[in-house]
Amino acid sequence: MLLTPNDVGILVEHSVWRRGKVIEIISPYAIIHFPALAASPQGPQRKLREDAPQLTKSSVQSDPELDGVETGPAKPKKVTKRKVKDLQNMLDEAVAWFEQTYPARFDDEKLTDADYRNKRAAQETFAANFAGGRGAAMVSEAKHAEIAGLLDGISRATNILSPFEVKAVHKAYVKGDESATKVLGATLAFVANPGHATFKAMGEAVSQLPADGGKVNTWPIVTLLPFLANPAKFVALKPTNTELIAARMAFDIKYDSTPNWETYDATLRMANQLLERLKPLGAKDMIDVQTFMVVTKDLN
């Protein structure tokens, strides 16, 4: 559906976050309040595109959890120095817990589990097949079936994608058509020259995968391949973990559920700050950063 200023106040249904209330339209975006996200570090409001495909108008236009939610611009909140300091302390506490739990830090055998090794192996597989101009040559030679098979295997090699996302990309890649080749070509172009235009092209290539109704235009799917192509520079954005670490670092990543360069650029800057914080513990790249984010996500 396409939301307009006349829709402020209506109730909508999101494919994941369920029922929400449109509280403001700032074209081309809509600000929506979702009770299901009340416990999220970023709070219950999300900024979505006004034509976001995951939104539909709710058949119910009255809800006890939403009827009292005010519409219109949110009142500015004053962020005090004490608040920022407390958030920083949360990160410090997470680092202290990490050092106590894993005495060998990022070399601790308890940390380098199967998932960690799978990420490293997936990165090596990507490099062996696509680095050094090999991927570009495969794209140029239109080796659609070979590219699709490799991307399918890589996508299933780690737990970065959810089971639903793995199923969606598998449905797309098993076709072995040119859509997988377009994804690889756009990914290699982005990795070589990251920016707004190349990120948008990469996202569009992913969104055009023939997934037979499965949702493919998600943050983990769009950012998985750049992460494996160059984990020294790129991170796989998993919304829940990323929002949590952003709150701990008091870092505004300008989160939007639709993959976009502004959010990803901010996330990369945050991830690099976190990497610098973790280097004294032995962190080498974004695989280590993401591992830290995962093992500390349940800390209060």
Protein backbone atom coordinates (compact mmCIF):
# COMPACT_ATOMS: atom_id res chain seq x y z
CA MET A 1 0.00 0.00 0.00
CA LEU A 2 1.03 3.63 -0.43
CA LEU A 3 0.69 5.72 2.71
CA THR A 4 -0.17 9.42 2.40
CA PRO A 5 -0.49 12.24 4.95
CA ASN A 6 -4.22 11.41 5.12
CA ASP A 7 -3.30 8.03 6.60
CA VAL A 8 -1.79 9.42 9.79
CA GLY A 9 -3.53 7.63 12.64
CA ILE A 10 -4.60 4.50 10.78
CA LEU A 11 -3.61 1.00 11.86
CA VAL A 12 -1.49 -1.13 9.55
CA GLU A 13 -0.20 -4.70 9.55
CA HIS A 14 3.50 -5.50 9.11
CA SER A 15 4.55 -8.94 7.87
CA VAL A 16 6.90 -9.38 10.85
CA TRP A 17 6.07 -6.74 13.48
CA ARG A 18 2.32 -7.23 13.23
CA ARG A 19 -0.07 -4.35 13.97
CA GLY A 20 1.15 -0.77 14.16
CA LYS A 21 -0.10 2.79 14.05
CA VAL A 22 0.97 5.45 11.55
CA ILE A 23 1.97 8.42 13.65
CA GLU A 24 3.65 10.67 11.07
CA ILE A 25 4.36 10.88 7.34
CA ILE A 26 7.60 12.54 6.25
CA SER A 27 7.63 11.70 2.56
CA PRO A 28 9.00 9.34 1.34
CA TYR A 29 8.86 7.80 4.81
CA ALA A 30 6.23 6.86 7.37
CA ILE A 31 6.85 6.72 11.11
CA ILE A 32 4.96 3.78 12.60
CA HIS A 33 4.53 2.66 16.21
CA PHE A 34 4.67 -1.14 16.71
CA PRO A 35 3.84 -2.50 20.19
CA ALA A 36 5.73 -5.70 19.33
CA LEU A 37 8.96 -3.65 19.32
CA ALA A 38 8.40 -2.00 22.71
CA ALA A 39 11.30 -3.92 24.27
CA SER A 40 13.66 -3.16 21.39
CA PRO A 41 16.72 -1.02 22.23
CA GLN A 42 15.55 1.50 19.62
CA GLY A 43 12.00 1.63 20.97
CA PRO A 44 8.68 0.84 19.25
CA GLN A 45 8.86 3.33 16.37
CA ARG A 46 10.28 2.56 12.95
CA LYS A 47 10.81 4.66 9.84
CA LEU A 48 9.65 2.78 6.76
CA ARG A 49 9.18 3.85 3.19
CA GLU A 50 5.60 4.99 2.61
CA ASP A 51 5.29 2.31 -0.09
CA ALA A 52 6.94 -0.50 1.93
CA PRO A 53 5.69 -3.82 0.49
CA GLN A 54 5.53 -5.47 3.92
CA LEU A 55 2.73 -3.11 5.03
CA THR A 56 -1.02 -3.52 4.52
CA LYS A 57 -3.96 -1.64 5.97
CA SER A 58 -5.31 -3.44 9.00
CA SER A 59 -8.85 -4.80 8.86
CA VAL A 60 -9.11 -3.63 12.48
CA GLN A 61 -8.92 0.11 13.14
CA SER A 62 -9.15 0.07 16.93
CA ASP A 63 -6.66 -1.58 19.27
CA PRO A 64 -6.24 -1.08 23.05
CA GLU A 65 -2.44 -0.99 22.67
CA LEU A 66 -2.53 1.65 19.95
CA ASP A 67 -5.60 3.84 20.50
CA GLY A 68 -3.77 5.95 23.08
CA VAL A 69 -0.62 6.43 20.98
CA GLU A 70 -0.35 10.07 19.94
CA THR A 71 0.25 11.06 16.35
CA GLY A 72 2.40 13.88 15.02
CA PRO A 73 6.09 14.75 15.46
CA ALA A 74 7.70 13.24 18.52
CA LYS A 75 8.75 15.62 21.26
CA PRO A 76 12.53 16.04 21.28
CA LYS A 77 14.26 14.12 24.02
CA LYS A 78 17.17 15.63 25.83
CA VAL A 79 20.10 13.22 25.96
CA THR A 80 22.14 14.05 29.03
CA LYS A 81 25.82 13.44 29.51
CA ARG A 82 24.89 10.98 32.27
CA LYS A 83 22.77 8.97 29.81
CA VAL A 84 25.58 8.77 27.26
CA LYS A 85 27.98 7.78 30.04
CA ASP A 86 25.61 5.03 31.20
CA LEU A 87 25.36 3.66 27.66
CA GLN A 88 29.14 3.66 27.37
CA ASN A 89 29.30 1.81 30.68
CA MET A 90 27.02 -0.83 29.17
CA LEU A 91 29.60 -1.46 26.46
CA ASP A 92 32.42 -1.46 29.01
CA GLU A 93 30.51 -4.01 31.07
CA ALA A 94 29.97 -6.19 27.98
CA VAL A 95 33.71 -6.07 27.23
CA ALA A 96 34.53 -6.94 30.85
CA TRP A 97 32.11 -9.89 30.74
CA PHE A 98 33.67 -11.04 27.47
CA GLU A 99 37.19 -11.02 28.95
CA GLN A 100 36.04 -12.92 32.03
CA THR A 101 34.04 -15.50 30.05
CA TYR A 102 36.70 -16.02 27.38
CA PRO A 103 40.11 -15.79 29.12
CA ALA A 104 41.95 -16.36 25.83
CA ARG A 105 39.81 -13.59 24.33
CA PHE A 106 39.27 -14.00 20.59
CA ASP A 107 41.53 -17.06 20.55
CA ASP A 108 39.47 -18.84 23.18
CA GLU A 109 38.39 -22.30 22.07
CA LYS A 110 34.93 -21.73 23.55
CA LEU A 111 34.52 -18.77 21.21
CA THR A 112 35.87 -20.32 18.03
CA ASP A 113 32.94 -22.73 17.77
CA ALA A 114 31.42 -24.32 14.67
CA ASP A 115 29.61 -21.13 13.65
CA TYR A 116 32.78 -19.05 13.90
CA ARG A 117 34.69 -21.60 11.84
CA ASN A 118 31.84 -21.74 9.32
CA LYS A 119 32.04 -17.98 8.79
CA ARG A 120 35.78 -18.21 8.21
CA ALA A 121 35.28 -21.12 5.81
CA ALA A 122 32.55 -19.26 3.91
CA GLN A 123 34.84 -16.27 3.55
CA GLU A 124 37.59 -18.51 2.21
CA THR A 125 35.15 -20.13 -0.22
CA PHE A 126 34.08 -16.73 -1.51
CA ALA A 127 37.70 -15.67 -1.98
CA ALA A 128 38.72 -18.93 -3.67
CA ASN A 129 35.94 -18.64 -6.23
CA PHE A 130 35.40 -14.91 -6.76
CA ALA A 131 38.45 -12.91 -5.61
CA GLY A 132 41.32 -11.81 -7.83
CA GLY A 133 39.07 -11.11 -10.81
CA ARG A 134 37.66 -14.64 -10.92
CA GLY A 135 34.15 -13.51 -10.02
CA ALA A 136 34.20 -10.69 -12.57
CA ALA A 137 35.32 -13.17 -15.23
CA MET A 138 32.46 -15.52 -14.35
CA VAL A 139 29.99 -12.65 -14.60
CA SER A 140 31.45 -11.60 -17.96
CA GLU A 141 31.23 -15.18 -19.22
CA ALA A 142 27.63 -15.48 -17.97
CA LYS A 143 28.25 -18.64 -15.95
CA HIS A 144 24.80 -18.37 -14.40
CA ALA A 145 24.36 -21.92 -13.09
CA GLU A 146 27.86 -22.09 -11.58
CA ILE A 147 27.50 -18.71 -9.88
CA ALA A 148 24.04 -19.59 -8.54
CA GLY A 149 25.28 -22.88 -7.10
CA LEU A 150 28.19 -21.21 -5.34
CA LEU A 151 26.06 -18.39 -3.91
CA ASP A 152 23.46 -20.89 -2.72
CA GLY A 153 26.10 -22.89 -0.87
CA ILE A 154 27.70 -19.80 0.65
CA SER A 155 24.32 -18.48 1.81
CA ARG A 156 23.63 -21.73 3.67
CA ALA A 157 27.11 -22.02 5.19
CA THR A 158 26.58 -19.79 8.25
CA ASN A 159 23.78 -18.85 10.63
CA ILE A 160 23.75 -15.24 9.46
CA LEU A 161 20.59 -15.81 7.44
CA SER A 162 17.45 -17.03 9.20
CA PRO A 163 15.91 -20.34 8.04
CA PHE A 164 13.27 -18.33 6.17
CA GLU A 165 15.93 -16.25 4.40
CA VAL A 166 17.95 -19.35 3.50
CA LYS A 167 14.82 -20.91 2.02
CA ALA A 168 14.04 -17.75 0.03
CA VAL A 169 17.48 -17.42 -1.56
CA HIS A 170 17.66 -21.15 -2.21
CA LYS A 171 14.41 -20.93 -4.19
CA ALA A 172 16.00 -18.13 -6.20
CA TYR A 173 19.46 -19.61 -6.74
CA VAL A 174 18.25 -23.12 -7.57
CA LYS A 175 16.84 -21.69 -10.80
CA GLY A 176 20.40 -21.04 -11.95
CA ASP A 177 19.41 -18.07 -14.08
CA GLU A 178 21.00 -14.67 -14.68
CA SER A 179 19.51 -13.12 -11.52
CA ALA A 180 22.28 -14.71 -9.41
CA THR A 181 24.89 -13.39 -11.83
CA LYS A 182 23.44 -9.88 -11.45
CA VAL A 183 23.68 -10.19 -7.66
CA LEU A 184 27.34 -11.23 -7.84
CA GLY A 185 28.18 -8.50 -10.34
CA ALA A 186 26.48 -5.81 -8.26
CA THR A 187 28.14 -7.12 -5.08
CA LEU A 188 31.62 -7.03 -6.61
CA ALA A 189 30.97 -3.49 -7.86
CA PHE A 190 29.90 -2.39 -4.37
CA VAL A 191 32.87 -4.05 -2.67
CA ALA A 192 35.23 -2.29 -5.09
CA ASN A 193 33.54 1.10 -4.71
CA PRO A 194 31.14 1.31 -1.73
CA GLY A 195 28.68 4.16 -1.87
CA HIS A 196 25.06 5.14 -2.34
CA ALA A 197 24.79 4.22 -6.02
CA THR A 198 26.54 0.84 -5.78
CA PHE A 199 24.65 -0.13 -2.61
CA LYS A 200 21.35 0.74 -4.25
CA ALA A 201 22.26 -1.32 -7.33
CA MET A 202 23.22 -4.27 -5.13
CA GLY A 203 19.97 -4.05 -3.19
CA GLU A 204 17.94 -3.87 -6.38
CA ALA A 205 19.73 -6.95 -7.77
CA VAL A 206 18.92 -8.90 -4.60
CA SER A 207 15.29 -7.74 -4.57
CA GLN A 208 14.86 -9.07 -8.13
CA LEU A 209 15.81 -12.64 -7.19
CA PRO A 210 12.94 -14.99 -8.17
CA ALA A 211 12.19 -16.30 -4.68
CA ASP A 212 8.61 -17.44 -5.38
CA GLY A 213 7.07 -15.25 -2.70
CA GLY A 214 9.95 -15.51 -0.22
CA LYS A 215 11.30 -12.24 1.17
CA VAL A 216 14.83 -11.57 -0.09
CA ASN A 217 15.24 -7.81 0.31
CA THR A 218 16.37 -8.09 3.93
CA TRP A 219 19.41 -6.67 5.67
CA PRO A 220 21.14 -10.03 6.29
CA ILE A 221 20.69 -11.19 2.68
CA VAL A 222 21.80 -7.88 1.12
CA THR A 223 24.88 -7.50 3.36
CA LEU A 224 25.99 -11.14 3.61
CA LEU A 225 28.08 -11.28 0.42
CA PRO A 226 30.02 -8.01 0.98
CA PHE A 227 30.79 -9.27 4.50
CA LEU A 228 32.21 -12.52 3.16
CA ALA A 229 33.98 -10.77 0.28
CA ASN A 230 35.90 -8.47 2.61
CA PRO A 231 35.30 -8.93 6.36
CA ALA A 232 38.05 -6.44 7.09
CA LYS A 233 35.75 -3.72 5.77
CA PHE A 234 32.13 -4.89 5.70
CA VAL A 235 29.77 -6.29 8.31
CA ALA A 236 26.63 -8.39 7.94
CA LEU A 237 23.79 -6.35 9.38
CA LYS A 238 21.44 -8.42 11.54
CA PRO A 239 18.89 -5.88 12.82
CA THR A 240 18.34 -7.07 16.41
CA ASN A 241 22.02 -7.47 17.27
CA THR A 242 22.97 -4.28 15.45
CA GLU A 243 20.32 -2.17 17.16
CA LEU A 244 21.39 -3.52 20.55
CA ILE A 245 25.06 -2.66 20.12
CA ALA A 246 24.06 0.75 18.70
CA ALA A 247 22.15 1.45 21.92
CA ARG A 248 25.12 0.36 24.04
CA MET A 249 27.41 2.65 22.07
CA ALA A 250 24.91 5.54 21.93
CA PHE A 251 25.34 5.43 18.16
CA ASP A 252 22.53 6.51 15.83
CA ILE A 253 22.63 4.15 12.85
CA LYS A 254 19.53 5.82 11.31
CA TYR A 255 17.89 2.40 11.17
CA ASP A 256 15.31 1.66 8.48
CA SER A 257 14.03 -1.85 7.88
CA THR A 258 14.50 -1.38 4.12
CA PRO A 259 18.20 -1.82 3.21
CA ASN A 260 19.72 1.56 2.32
CA TRP A 261 23.16 3.13 2.15
CA GLU A 262 22.61 5.74 4.88
CA THR A 263 21.92 3.07 7.50
CA TYR A 264 24.65 0.74 6.28
CA ASP A 265 27.26 3.51 6.12
CA ALA A 266 26.44 4.48 9.72
CA THR A 267 26.59 0.82 10.76
CA LEU A 268 30.03 0.43 9.18
CA ARG A 269 31.31 3.47 11.04
CA MET A 270 29.93 2.08 14.30
CA ALA A 271 31.39 -1.38 13.60
CA ASN A 272 34.81 0.14 12.94
CA GLN A 273 34.67 1.98 16.26
CA LEU A 274 33.79 -1.28 17.97
CA LEU A 275 36.61 -3.07 16.15
CA GLU A 276 39.10 -0.51 17.47
CA ARG A 277 37.69 -1.06 20.97
CA LEU A 278 38.13 -4.83 20.62
CA LYS A 279 41.54 -4.94 18.92
CA PRO A 280 43.39 -5.06 22.28
CA LEU A 281 41.46 -8.30 22.89
CA GLY A 282 42.66 -9.78 19.61
CA ALA A 283 39.80 -8.86 17.27
CA LYS A 284 41.01 -8.84 13.66
CA ASP A 285 37.99 -8.01 11.52
CA MET A 286 34.21 -7.83 11.32
CA ILE A 287 33.82 -11.57 11.83
CA ASP A 288 35.23 -11.04 15.31
CA VAL A 289 33.08 -7.94 15.79
CA GLN A 290 29.95 -9.85 14.85
CA THR A 291 30.94 -12.72 17.13
CA PHE A 292 31.24 -10.26 20.02
CA MET A 293 27.81 -8.82 19.19
CA VAL A 294 26.26 -12.31 19.19
CA VAL A 295 27.77 -13.62 22.44
CA THR A 296 26.95 -10.43 24.38
CA LYS A 297 23.45 -9.85 23.02
CA ASP A 298 21.64 -11.36 26.02
CA LEU A 299 23.47 -9.31 28.65
CA ASN A 300 21.31 -6.89 30.61
